Protein backbone atom coordinates (compact mmCIF):
# COMPACT_ATOMS: atom_id res chain seq x y z
CA MET A 1 28.01 -30.73 20.55
CA THR A 2 30.43 -31.26 17.66
CA SER A 3 33.25 -29.62 19.64
CA LEU A 4 33.17 -32.34 22.32
CA PRO A 5 36.25 -34.61 22.30
CA TYR A 6 35.57 -38.05 20.92
CA THR A 7 36.14 -39.71 24.30
CA ALA A 8 33.40 -37.53 25.85
CA ARG A 9 30.74 -38.33 23.26
CA TYR A 10 29.42 -41.29 25.26
CA SER A 11 29.64 -39.51 28.62
CA ALA A 12 25.90 -38.91 28.78
CA LEU A 13 25.17 -42.59 28.20
CA ALA A 14 27.79 -43.61 30.77
CA GLY A 15 26.41 -41.17 33.34
CA VAL A 16 22.83 -42.34 32.82
CA THR A 17 23.87 -46.00 33.12
CA ALA A 18 25.82 -45.32 36.30
CA THR A 19 22.86 -43.47 37.79
CA ALA A 20 20.55 -46.37 36.94
CA VAL A 21 22.87 -48.86 38.69
CA LEU A 22 23.40 -46.61 41.72
CA SER A 23 19.69 -45.94 42.20
CA GLY A 24 19.03 -49.68 41.92
CA LEU A 25 21.48 -50.35 44.75
CA LEU A 26 19.85 -47.61 46.84
CA ALA A 27 16.44 -49.14 46.17
CA ALA A 28 17.64 -52.52 47.44
CA ALA A 29 19.48 -51.12 50.47
CA VAL A 30 17.61 -47.97 51.53
CA SER A 31 14.07 -47.51 50.13
CA PRO A 32 11.92 -49.11 47.37
CA TRP A 33 11.07 -45.61 46.10
CA TRP A 34 14.50 -45.54 44.45
CA TRP A 35 13.20 -48.14 41.99
CA VAL A 36 11.29 -45.32 40.24
CA VAL A 37 14.53 -43.47 39.65
CA SER A 38 16.29 -46.65 38.65
CA ALA A 39 13.59 -47.60 36.15
CA THR A 40 13.64 -44.13 34.61
CA PHE A 41 17.39 -44.10 34.07
CA ALA A 42 17.35 -47.73 32.94
CA ALA A 43 14.90 -46.73 30.20
CA LEU A 44 17.23 -43.89 29.18
CA THR A 45 20.12 -46.37 29.10
CA GLY A 46 18.09 -48.61 26.78
CA ARG A 47 17.37 -45.64 24.54
CA GLY A 48 21.08 -44.75 24.46
CA LEU A 49 22.11 -48.28 23.56
CA TYR A 50 19.54 -48.29 20.75
CA ASP A 51 20.95 -44.98 19.49
CA VAL A 52 24.44 -46.53 19.30
CA CYS A 53 23.17 -49.55 17.36
CA GLN A 54 20.70 -47.91 14.96
CA ARG A 55 21.93 -46.97 11.45
CA ARG A 56 19.55 -44.20 10.39
CA HIS A 57 21.04 -41.20 12.22
CA ALA A 58 24.81 -40.74 12.38
CA ILE A 59 24.36 -38.00 15.00
CA LEU A 60 22.72 -40.44 17.43
CA ARG A 61 25.38 -43.12 16.84
CA SER A 62 28.08 -40.61 17.76
CA TYR A 63 26.13 -38.79 20.46
CA PRO A 64 23.66 -41.22 22.08
CA LEU A 65 20.98 -39.42 24.10
CA LEU A 66 22.62 -35.99 23.60
CA GLY A 67 21.84 -36.16 19.89
CA HIS A 68 18.12 -35.95 20.64
CA LEU A 69 18.62 -32.39 21.86
CA ARG A 70 19.63 -31.42 18.33
CA PHE A 71 16.44 -32.85 16.82
CA ALA A 72 14.30 -31.26 19.54
CA MET A 73 15.82 -27.82 18.88
CA GLU A 74 15.35 -28.30 15.14
CA ARG A 75 11.65 -29.04 15.62
CA ILE A 76 11.00 -25.87 17.61
CA ARG A 77 13.31 -23.64 15.53
CA PRO A 78 10.42 -22.04 13.52
CA GLU A 79 8.57 -21.16 16.71
CA ILE A 80 11.71 -19.78 18.40
CA ARG A 81 12.44 -17.62 15.34
CA GLN A 82 8.85 -16.46 14.91
CA TYR A 83 8.22 -15.50 18.53
CA PHE A 84 11.63 -14.37 19.76
CA VAL A 85 14.06 -13.65 16.91
CA GLU A 86 12.42 -12.11 13.85
CA SER A 87 11.78 -8.39 13.63
CA SER A 88 8.49 -6.79 12.67
CA LEU A 89 9.52 -6.70 9.01
CA ASP A 90 11.65 -9.74 8.17
CA GLY A 91 9.25 -12.66 8.76
CA ARG A 92 8.48 -14.95 5.82
CA PRO A 93 6.20 -15.52 3.99
CA PHE A 94 4.35 -12.80 5.92
CA SER A 95 6.08 -10.41 8.30
CA ARG A 96 4.95 -9.93 11.87
CA ASP A 97 3.59 -6.50 10.92
CA VAL A 98 1.33 -7.98 8.23
CA ARG A 99 0.20 -10.86 10.41
CA SER A 100 -0.62 -8.45 13.24
CA LEU A 101 -2.56 -6.25 10.82
CA VAL A 102 -4.67 -9.18 9.65
CA TYR A 103 -5.32 -10.37 13.21
CA GLN A 104 -6.33 -6.89 14.36
CA ARG A 105 -8.73 -6.35 11.47
CA ALA A 106 -10.20 -9.84 11.89
CA LYS A 107 -10.87 -9.11 15.56
CA GLY A 108 -12.37 -5.71 14.79
CA GLU A 109 -9.56 -3.86 16.57
CA ALA A 110 -8.01 -0.58 15.43
CA ALA A 111 -5.20 -1.54 13.04
CA GLN A 112 -2.99 1.48 13.59
CA LYS A 113 0.68 1.96 14.35
CA ALA A 114 2.30 4.75 16.34
CA PHE A 115 5.61 6.57 15.99
CA GLY A 116 6.09 6.16 12.23
CA THR A 117 7.18 3.48 9.81
CA GLU A 118 9.96 1.00 10.54
CA ARG A 119 10.71 0.63 6.83
CA ASP A 120 13.70 2.25 5.19
CA VAL A 121 11.90 4.43 2.66
CA TYR A 122 15.19 5.14 0.88
CA ALA A 123 16.01 1.47 0.37
CA THR A 124 16.21 0.11 -3.18
CA GLY A 125 12.92 -1.52 -4.10
CA HIS A 126 10.73 0.52 -1.75
CA GLU A 127 7.39 1.31 -3.40
CA PHE A 128 4.94 4.09 -2.64
CA PHE A 129 1.78 5.64 -4.08
CA VAL A 130 1.51 9.16 -5.50
CA THR A 131 -1.01 11.07 -3.39
CA SER A 132 -3.24 13.85 -4.68
CA MET A 133 -3.59 17.40 -3.37
CA ALA A 134 -7.32 17.01 -4.09
CA PRO A 135 -8.39 13.69 -2.51
CA GLU A 136 -11.80 12.24 -3.29
CA PRO A 137 -14.38 11.18 -0.67
CA VAL A 138 -14.30 7.52 0.33
CA PRO A 139 -17.32 5.63 -1.09
CA ASP A 140 -19.94 4.62 1.44
CA GLU A 141 -20.39 1.15 -0.07
CA PRO A 142 -17.77 -1.42 -1.16
CA LEU A 143 -16.96 -1.18 -4.86
CA THR A 144 -17.49 -4.14 -7.22
CA VAL A 145 -16.55 -5.01 -10.79
CA ARG A 146 -18.85 -6.69 -13.32
CA VAL A 147 -17.61 -10.09 -14.53
CA GLY A 148 -19.09 -11.38 -17.76
CA GLY A 149 -18.19 -10.94 -21.42
CA PRO A 150 -20.46 -10.67 -24.45
CA ASP A 151 -21.24 -14.41 -24.39
CA CYS A 152 -22.18 -14.44 -20.69
CA LEU A 153 -25.87 -14.55 -19.81
CA GLN A 154 -25.56 -14.32 -16.01
CA PRO A 155 -22.86 -11.73 -15.17
CA TYR A 156 -21.60 -11.43 -11.60
CA ASP A 157 -20.54 -8.38 -9.58
CA MET A 158 -17.19 -9.33 -8.00
CA ALA A 159 -15.85 -7.71 -4.84
CA LEU A 160 -12.39 -6.12 -4.87
CA LEU A 161 -11.14 -8.84 -2.46
CA ASN A 162 -12.36 -12.44 -2.40
CA VAL A 163 -11.39 -15.79 -0.90
CA SER A 164 -8.84 -17.43 -3.17
CA ALA A 165 -8.73 -21.13 -4.03
CA MET A 166 -8.39 -23.54 -1.09
CA SER A 167 -9.91 -26.99 -1.35
CA PHE A 168 -11.89 -29.05 1.11
CA GLY A 169 -9.41 -31.77 1.96
CA ALA A 170 -6.54 -29.35 2.15
CA LEU A 171 -8.66 -27.38 4.65
CA SER A 172 -10.94 -28.83 7.29
CA GLY A 173 -14.72 -28.81 7.01
CA PRO A 174 -15.14 -26.16 9.74
CA ALA A 175 -12.57 -23.92 8.00
CA ILE A 176 -14.45 -24.17 4.68
CA ARG A 177 -17.77 -23.44 6.40
CA ALA A 178 -16.30 -20.42 8.18
CA LEU A 179 -14.90 -19.01 4.92
CA ASN A 180 -18.20 -19.49 3.11
CA GLU A 181 -20.29 -18.06 5.92
CA GLY A 182 -17.89 -15.12 6.09
CA ALA A 183 -18.37 -14.58 2.34
CA LEU A 184 -22.14 -14.65 2.85
CA ARG A 185 -22.00 -12.06 5.63
CA GLY A 186 -19.58 -9.81 3.75
CA GLY A 187 -20.97 -10.08 0.22
CA PHE A 188 -17.84 -11.39 -1.50
CA ALA A 189 -16.97 -14.59 -3.38
CA HIS A 190 -15.44 -17.83 -2.15
CA ASP A 191 -13.32 -19.92 -4.54
CA THR A 192 -13.85 -23.61 -3.81
CA GLY A 193 -10.39 -24.71 -4.91
CA GLU A 194 -9.98 -27.67 -7.23
CA GLY A 195 -11.02 -30.29 -4.64
CA GLY A 196 -14.71 -30.29 -5.57
CA LEU A 197 -17.81 -28.67 -4.13
CA SER A 198 -18.77 -30.17 -0.75
CA CYS A 199 -21.64 -29.61 1.66
CA HIS A 200 -19.27 -27.39 3.67
CA HIS A 201 -19.31 -24.87 0.79
CA LEU A 202 -23.09 -24.47 0.94
CA SER A 203 -23.51 -22.06 3.85
CA GLY A 204 -25.01 -19.49 1.51
CA GLY A 205 -21.94 -17.59 0.30
CA ASP A 206 -21.32 -16.91 -3.39
CA LEU A 207 -19.09 -19.56 -4.94
CA ILE A 208 -16.51 -19.59 -7.69
CA TRP A 209 -16.45 -23.29 -8.53
CA GLN A 210 -12.90 -24.15 -9.50
CA ILE A 211 -12.18 -27.16 -11.71
CA GLY A 212 -8.65 -28.49 -11.86
CA THR A 213 -6.97 -31.11 -13.99
CA GLY A 214 -8.46 -33.89 -11.84
CA TYR A 215 -12.04 -32.68 -12.59
CA PHE A 216 -13.08 -33.40 -9.00
CA GLY A 217 -16.84 -33.14 -8.70
CA CYS A 218 -17.35 -33.62 -12.42
CA ARG A 219 -15.15 -36.58 -13.35
CA THR A 220 -15.71 -40.00 -14.82
CA PRO A 221 -14.28 -43.08 -13.08
CA GLU A 222 -11.35 -42.80 -15.51
CA GLY A 223 -10.64 -39.23 -14.44
CA ARG A 224 -12.00 -37.45 -17.53
CA PHE A 225 -14.50 -34.59 -17.65
CA ASP A 226 -18.15 -35.57 -17.05
CA PRO A 227 -20.51 -32.98 -18.61
CA GLU A 228 -23.62 -34.35 -16.86
CA GLN A 229 -22.14 -33.98 -13.36
CA PHE A 230 -20.82 -30.56 -14.30
CA THR A 231 -24.21 -29.34 -15.50
CA VAL A 232 -25.93 -30.41 -12.27
CA THR A 233 -23.42 -28.71 -9.97
CA ALA A 234 -23.03 -25.58 -12.10
CA ALA A 235 -26.80 -25.04 -11.87
CA LEU A 236 -26.65 -24.59 -8.08
CA PRO A 237 -27.75 -21.05 -7.18
CA ASN A 238 -24.66 -20.53 -4.98
CA VAL A 239 -22.35 -21.13 -7.96
CA LYS A 240 -21.91 -17.70 -9.53
CA CYS A 241 -18.82 -18.40 -11.67
CA VAL A 242 -16.77 -21.35 -12.92
CA LEU A 243 -12.97 -21.22 -12.95
CA LEU A 244 -10.80 -23.64 -14.93
CA LYS A 245 -7.41 -23.96 -13.23
CA LEU A 246 -4.47 -24.43 -15.58
CA SER A 247 -1.72 -23.87 -13.00
CA GLN A 248 -1.06 -22.24 -9.64
CA GLY A 249 1.71 -20.03 -8.37
CA ALA A 250 3.00 -22.42 -5.69
CA LYS A 251 3.79 -25.12 -8.26
CA PRO A 252 3.20 -24.13 -11.90
CA GLY A 253 3.28 -27.09 -14.24
CA MET A 254 2.63 -29.59 -11.42
CA GLY A 255 -0.71 -31.15 -10.58
CA GLY A 256 -2.22 -30.83 -7.12
CA VAL A 257 -1.28 -33.38 -4.44
CA LEU A 258 -3.43 -34.32 -1.46
CA PRO A 259 -1.58 -36.63 1.00
CA ALA A 260 -3.23 -39.94 1.87
CA ALA A 261 -3.55 -38.87 5.52
CA LYS A 262 -6.07 -36.23 4.45
CA VAL A 263 -8.10 -38.44 2.09
CA ASN A 264 -10.78 -39.67 4.51
CA ALA A 265 -14.12 -41.10 3.41
CA GLU A 266 -15.82 -37.71 3.11
CA VAL A 267 -13.01 -36.13 1.07
CA ALA A 268 -12.89 -39.19 -1.17
CA ARG A 269 -16.65 -39.01 -1.76
CA VAL A 270 -16.51 -35.33 -2.70
CA ARG A 271 -13.59 -35.86 -5.08
CA GLY A 272 -14.69 -39.22 -6.45
CA VAL A 273 -11.45 -41.00 -5.47
CA VAL A 274 -10.35 -43.94 -3.28
CA PRO A 275 -10.11 -43.21 0.48
CA GLY A 276 -6.71 -43.45 2.13
CA GLU A 277 -4.69 -43.00 -1.07
CA THR A 278 -2.65 -39.97 -2.07
CA VAL A 279 -4.48 -38.02 -4.78
CA VAL A 280 -2.23 -36.68 -7.55
CA SER A 281 -3.85 -34.57 -10.27
CA PRO A 282 -2.36 -34.51 -13.78
CA ALA A 283 -0.19 -31.55 -14.68
CA TRP A 284 -2.37 -30.86 -17.75
CA HIS A 285 -6.01 -30.88 -18.80
CA PRO A 286 -6.82 -34.02 -20.83
CA GLU A 287 -9.67 -32.12 -22.50
CA CYS A 288 -7.54 -29.32 -23.98
CA ARG A 289 -3.92 -29.51 -25.04
CA THR A 290 -3.75 -26.47 -27.35
CA PRO A 291 -4.77 -22.82 -27.01
CA ARG A 292 -7.64 -23.29 -29.45
CA GLU A 293 -8.91 -26.40 -27.63
CA LEU A 294 -8.75 -24.48 -24.34
CA ILE A 295 -10.87 -21.61 -25.67
CA ARG A 296 -13.40 -24.07 -27.12
CA PHE A 297 -13.55 -25.93 -23.80
CA VAL A 298 -14.20 -22.68 -21.92
CA ALA A 299 -17.02 -21.88 -24.34
CA ARG A 300 -18.44 -25.39 -23.80
CA LEU A 301 -18.37 -24.96 -20.03
CA ARG A 302 -20.17 -21.62 -20.36
CA THR A 303 -22.91 -23.27 -22.40
CA LEU A 304 -23.25 -26.15 -19.91
CA ALA A 305 -23.38 -23.61 -17.05
CA ARG A 306 -26.30 -21.82 -18.75
CA GLY A 307 -24.31 -18.69 -19.46
CA LYS A 308 -22.63 -18.18 -16.09
CA PRO A 309 -19.18 -16.53 -16.25
CA VAL A 310 -16.36 -18.99 -16.95
CA GLY A 311 -12.72 -18.06 -16.44
CA ILE A 312 -9.26 -19.56 -16.33
CA LYS A 313 -6.53 -19.39 -13.69
CA LEU A 314 -2.82 -19.64 -14.43
CA CYS A 315 0.65 -18.74 -13.30
CA VAL A 316 2.21 -17.09 -16.35
CA GLY A 317 5.23 -18.85 -17.78
CA SER A 318 6.18 -17.23 -21.08
CA ARG A 319 4.87 -14.31 -23.09
CA HIS A 320 4.53 -16.22 -26.35
CA GLN A 321 2.15 -18.72 -24.68
CA VAL A 322 -0.04 -15.87 -23.44
CA LEU A 323 -0.05 -14.44 -26.96
CA ALA A 324 -0.91 -17.86 -28.41
CA LEU A 325 -3.94 -17.91 -26.11
CA CYS A 326 -4.94 -14.42 -27.29
CA LYS A 327 -4.60 -15.52 -30.93
CA ALA A 328 -6.87 -18.47 -30.18
CA MET A 329 -9.45 -16.07 -28.71
CA LEU A 330 -9.32 -14.01 -31.88
CA ALA A 331 -9.49 -17.05 -34.14
CA GLU A 332 -12.47 -18.53 -32.28
CA ASP A 333 -14.13 -15.15 -31.63
CA SER A 334 -14.58 -16.31 -28.05
CA ALA A 335 -12.83 -15.56 -24.77
CA PRO A 336 -12.98 -16.42 -21.07
CA ASP A 337 -15.15 -14.03 -19.09
CA PHE A 338 -12.29 -13.56 -16.63
CA VAL A 339 -8.69 -14.64 -16.06
CA VAL A 340 -7.08 -14.96 -12.63
CA VAL A 341 -3.30 -14.51 -12.67
CA ASP A 342 -1.59 -16.36 -9.82
CA GLY A 343 1.88 -15.17 -8.86
CA ALA A 344 4.85 -17.38 -8.11
CA GLU A 345 4.75 -15.96 -4.57
CA GLY A 346 1.41 -17.72 -3.99
CA GLY A 347 1.70 -20.55 -1.54
CA THR A 348 -1.31 -22.40 -0.07
CA GLY A 349 -0.44 -25.50 -2.10
CA ALA A 350 2.44 -27.54 -0.64
CA ALA A 351 5.11 -28.11 -3.28
CA PRO A 352 8.78 -29.08 -3.74
CA LEU A 353 11.15 -26.28 -2.72
CA GLU A 354 12.50 -25.95 -6.26
CA PHE A 355 9.01 -25.22 -7.60
CA THR A 356 8.13 -22.63 -4.97
CA ASP A 357 11.50 -20.88 -5.33
CA HIS A 358 12.28 -20.99 -9.03
CA LEU A 359 9.26 -21.63 -11.27
CA GLY A 360 6.69 -19.23 -12.65
CA MET A 361 6.48 -15.45 -13.00
CA PRO A 362 5.99 -13.31 -9.91
CA LEU A 363 2.57 -11.70 -9.84
CA THR A 364 3.70 -8.23 -10.96
CA ASP A 365 5.37 -9.53 -14.11
CA GLY A 366 2.66 -12.07 -14.92
CA LEU A 367 -0.19 -9.62 -14.38
CA ILE A 368 1.36 -6.86 -16.49
CA THR A 369 2.22 -9.36 -19.22
CA LEU A 370 -1.33 -10.67 -19.48
CA HIS A 371 -2.89 -7.20 -19.22
CA ASN A 372 -0.69 -5.92 -22.05
CA ALA A 373 -1.37 -8.98 -24.20
CA LEU A 374 -5.12 -8.47 -23.90
CA VAL A 375 -4.85 -4.73 -24.54
CA GLY A 376 -2.55 -5.24 -27.51
CA THR A 377 -4.94 -7.72 -29.11
CA GLY A 378 -8.02 -5.60 -28.45
CA LEU A 379 -9.49 -8.15 -26.03
CA ARG A 380 -9.11 -6.34 -22.71
CA ASP A 381 -12.66 -4.94 -22.72
CA ARG A 382 -14.23 -8.41 -22.80
CA VAL A 383 -11.97 -10.12 -20.23
CA THR A 384 -11.95 -9.19 -16.52
CA LEU A 385 -8.60 -9.70 -14.78
CA GLY A 386 -8.12 -11.02 -11.26
CA ALA A 387 -4.87 -11.21 -9.28
CA SER A 388 -3.90 -13.62 -6.52
CA GLY A 389 -0.66 -14.12 -4.64
CA LYS A 390 0.34 -12.71 -1.24
CA ILE A 391 -2.42 -10.09 -1.04
CA ALA A 392 -3.11 -9.12 2.57
CA THR A 393 -3.49 -5.33 2.85
CA GLY A 394 -5.36 -2.49 1.22
CA GLY A 395 -2.07 -1.37 -0.32
CA ASP A 396 -1.64 -4.80 -1.92
CA ILE A 397 -5.08 -4.50 -3.52
CA VAL A 398 -4.45 -1.03 -4.94
CA ALA A 399 -1.00 -2.00 -6.25
CA ARG A 400 -2.50 -4.91 -8.22
CA LEU A 401 -5.29 -2.71 -9.59
CA VAL A 402 -2.63 -0.21 -10.73
CA GLN A 403 -0.78 -3.04 -12.47
CA GLY A 404 -3.83 -4.07 -14.49
CA ALA A 405 -6.11 -6.19 -12.32
CA ASP A 406 -9.84 -5.54 -11.83
CA PHE A 407 -10.18 -7.54 -8.59
CA THR A 408 -8.01 -9.57 -6.22
CA ASN A 409 -8.18 -12.88 -4.35
CA SER A 410 -6.45 -13.81 -1.10
CA ALA A 411 -5.79 -17.23 0.42
CA ARG A 412 -3.16 -17.09 3.16
CA ALA A 413 -4.44 -13.81 4.61
CA MET A 414 -7.87 -15.42 4.87
CA LEU A 415 -6.25 -18.32 6.72
CA LEU A 416 -4.65 -15.85 9.12
CA ALA A 417 -8.08 -14.30 9.65
CA LEU A 418 -9.34 -17.80 10.54
CA GLY A 419 -6.66 -18.03 13.23
CA CYS A 420 -3.73 -19.56 11.29
CA ILE A 421 -0.42 -18.87 13.09
CA GLN A 422 1.86 -19.48 10.07
CA ALA A 423 3.10 -22.76 11.56
CA GLN A 424 3.71 -24.03 7.99
CA GLN A 425 2.34 -27.49 8.79
CA CYS A 426 -0.43 -27.32 6.17
CA HIS A 427 0.68 -30.51 4.38
CA SER A 428 1.22 -32.59 7.53
CA ASN A 429 -2.40 -32.97 8.71
CA ALA A 430 -1.15 -31.62 12.06
CA CYS A 431 -2.25 -27.99 11.78
CA PRO A 432 -2.30 -26.69 15.37
CA THR A 433 -5.28 -24.38 14.78
CA GLY A 434 -7.61 -26.86 13.02
CA VAL A 435 -7.55 -24.96 9.71
CA ALA A 436 -5.52 -27.20 7.38
CA THR A 437 -6.25 -30.68 8.70
CA GLN A 438 -8.66 -33.58 8.45
CA ASP A 439 -8.01 -34.66 12.02
CA PRO A 440 -11.42 -34.20 13.72
CA LYS A 441 -9.82 -33.60 17.12
CA ARG A 442 -7.80 -30.70 15.73
CA ALA A 443 -10.58 -29.37 13.49
CA ARG A 444 -13.06 -29.13 16.39
CA ALA A 445 -10.92 -26.33 17.84
CA LEU A 446 -12.17 -24.02 15.06
CA HIS A 447 -15.50 -22.38 15.97
CA VAL A 448 -17.32 -21.67 12.70
CA GLY A 449 -19.47 -18.74 13.84
CA ASP A 450 -16.62 -16.82 15.44
CA LYS A 451 -14.18 -17.44 12.58
CA ALA A 452 -16.77 -16.50 9.93
CA GLN A 453 -17.16 -13.16 11.65
CA ARG A 454 -13.39 -12.71 11.67
CA VAL A 455 -13.18 -13.42 7.93
CA ARG A 456 -15.97 -10.90 7.24
CA ARG A 457 -14.35 -8.20 9.37
CA PHE A 458 -10.95 -8.70 7.77
CA GLN A 459 -12.29 -8.51 4.21
CA GLN A 460 -14.47 -5.50 4.99
CA ALA A 461 -11.68 -3.54 6.72
CA THR A 462 -9.12 -4.37 4.02
CA VAL A 463 -11.40 -3.30 1.15
CA HIS A 464 -12.23 -0.11 3.06
CA SER A 465 -8.49 0.54 3.43
CA ALA A 466 -8.02 0.05 -0.33
CA GLN A 467 -10.83 2.49 -1.04
CA GLN A 468 -9.28 4.98 1.38
CA ILE A 469 -5.99 4.74 -0.49
CA MET A 470 -7.71 5.22 -3.85
CA ALA A 471 -9.51 8.28 -2.53
CA THR A 472 -6.18 9.66 -1.30
CA LEU A 473 -4.82 9.23 -4.83
CA GLY A 474 -7.70 11.32 -6.17
CA VAL A 475 -9.48 8.31 -7.70
CA ARG A 476 -13.19 7.52 -7.42
CA HIS A 477 -13.20 4.10 -9.12
CA PRO A 478 -10.54 1.40 -9.78
CA GLY A 479 -10.86 2.03 -13.52
CA GLU A 480 -9.27 5.46 -12.99
CA LEU A 481 -6.06 4.00 -11.53
CA HIS A 482 -3.03 4.15 -13.82
CA PRO A 483 0.67 3.10 -13.62
CA ASN A 484 1.88 6.63 -12.88
CA LEU A 485 0.35 6.36 -9.38
CA LEU A 486 2.81 3.73 -8.12
CA ARG A 487 6.54 4.41 -7.88
CA ARG A 488 9.56 2.28 -7.04
CA ARG A 489 12.88 3.48 -5.65
CA LEU A 490 15.79 2.28 -7.81
CA ASP A 491 18.50 3.77 -5.57
CA SER A 492 18.79 6.39 -2.83
CA GLY A 493 18.31 9.27 -5.28
CA LEU A 494 16.17 7.85 -8.09
CA THR A 495 12.55 6.71 -8.33
CA ARG A 496 10.50 5.65 -11.33
CA SER A 497 6.77 5.12 -11.83
CA TYR A 498 5.39 1.84 -13.11
CA PHE A 499 4.54 3.67 -16.32
CA GLU A 500 8.27 4.25 -16.82
CA LEU A 501 9.45 0.87 -15.53
CA TYR A 502 7.27 -1.25 -17.83
CA GLU A 503 6.14 -1.10 -21.41
CA TRP A 504 2.39 -0.51 -21.85
CA LEU A 505 0.72 -1.37 -25.16
CA ASP A 506 -2.06 0.58 -26.82
CA HIS A 507 -5.41 -0.95 -27.74
CA GLY A 508 -4.97 -3.30 -30.73
CA GLU A 509 -1.29 -2.41 -31.15
CA LEU A 510 -0.20 -6.01 -31.68
CA LEU A 511 -2.74 -6.47 -34.49
CA ALA A 512 -1.60 -3.36 -36.34
CA TYR A 513 2.16 -3.21 -35.88
CA PRO A 514 3.82 -5.12 -33.00
CA PRO A 515 6.54 -3.08 -31.25
CA PRO A 516 10.05 -4.54 -31.62
CA SER A 517 10.11 -5.77 -28.01
CA TRP A 518 7.02 -7.91 -28.67
CA ALA A 519 7.55 -8.81 -32.33
CA VAL A 520 9.40 -12.11 -31.89
CA ASP A 521 7.01 -13.45 -29.24
CA TRP A 522 4.04 -12.36 -31.34
CA ALA A 523 5.41 -14.06 -34.45
CA GLN A 524 6.21 -17.28 -32.55
CA ALA A 525 2.76 -17.50 -30.96
CA ASP A 526 0.43 -19.99 -32.65
CA PRO A 527 -3.23 -20.60 -31.70
CA ASP A 528 -2.79 -24.34 -32.31
CA THR A 529 0.17 -24.98 -30.01
CA PHE A 530 1.65 -23.68 -26.78
CA SER A 531 5.14 -24.40 -28.16
CA PRO A 532 6.91 -21.54 -29.94
CA VAL A 533 6.87 -21.61 -33.71
CA PRO A 534 10.45 -22.12 -35.01
CA GLU A 535 12.08 -18.79 -35.86
CA TYR A 536 12.49 -19.63 -39.52
CA LEU A 537 8.69 -20.04 -39.77
CA ALA A 538 7.88 -17.01 -37.63
CA LYS A 539 8.47 -14.26 -40.17
CA THR A 540 4.99 -12.88 -40.84
CA PRO A 541 2.94 -11.26 -38.08
CA TRP A 542 -0.39 -13.00 -37.41
CA PRO A 543 -3.20 -12.45 -38.21
CA ALA A 544 -3.03 -10.57 -41.49
CA LEU A 545 -6.06 -8.30 -41.16
CA PRO A 546 -7.36 -5.69 -43.63
CA GLY A 547 -5.66 -2.36 -43.03
CA ASP A 548 -2.59 -3.82 -41.30
CA GLN A 549 0.60 -1.81 -41.61
CA PRO A 550 3.50 -3.63 -43.27
CA SER A 551 6.12 -5.06 -40.90
């Protein structure tokens, strides 16, 4: 288009106008049916003249009528690339191979591939597991992990793979019902997301009730935490755990945003907000601004929930903040029952491009950081670790367990199991499959019973695949996995295990004598602030406990 000479840029408009005039003459002289043609081209002429006069699009002023072809091609570019251009491995966020795997497992089909891998196994960054010459038998039943620390009165057995946080409002009512019914059929947990607990969540599946900075479902009219509402909802038998969201991988440090188009009367009632207005959650929790306040608030929620497990969810930012949180746990002699680490590669929440691309630690780094911090402070035994962020296969589950997690959560793979086609229109209220929309005409396309079965089959097959991989590694239980079992290729002739690539602390090592690589962060961490202590004040390791070795 841009190569056309300037004098030819209006040729389309001139041709359409000439055709309109000619067909009008034919209509008057030959047959009245020509008026149809004349009217059509007259309308196109009007459109072209408007293009020339409008001031919003320079392309249309220079190329009336023809310029619309550019916008049309731009709109269908994702579909053209997805269906005709991309290979089996280069699709983003999920490759065609992964999407096909999820679809096949959700449909109950054999998820196998013939003729070998398409991956370059000698490429830098390729990862693989270390198999055993003495594999173990695959367990007959899905494995679970117990969630609940010493202060928990109602511990919960968590599946290895669960539905990660996605709110009603962001997802349609039928999508939420299908996820919850799938969790009921498969015996795994369903995270409600921060948008409150609606009737769509009450199909019988186990719930992790997530509370964000907006306190939806337990908020006062001013937007603060309401303990009475919280106590009533937390007492529901379906609510097995409570999760306090500090941040999420898609947009760490930014509160959730629900566009006005999705805030209908039902969503507004569930969240306790005004219908038809964009809902923006604060970036922070008004109830807790310091590590110590956060730990006290978690303990308060556990008491109000009658001893049910209470955890926190975050995308890790800096190591000294994680250590400040650990110091607060030690100082208060209290800890969350579980922590879910969300990776920067997580993505169900729509966010500015800069946030999705450049903020927050990727899941591998964040998970290993938090695992080491808990081990080094002697707290790992009382805190269960979850991992979420681009988990879709059995290999993904095992890799995160090797890196320190006890269980995993998945959001986008669950959406694919529901029938999502990765159209990336989640924030537009125009989801073509009825999953991420509040448009009733679009949502009715999603059949709850069928999609619930797909979710169950996908979770069941993926956990079975993870257990098959563990058995191949010679492991009977996730607790036996260790960093030596996962290796990464650094170049064509060199591989290293995760044990060699990362530093792994010993139990209580930070309390006794912090290693040099952790010493500065440990000294700068303060249980009363998330900000680093100035270096000139951070000279003495904390806390000074009896029997400590001198620094």
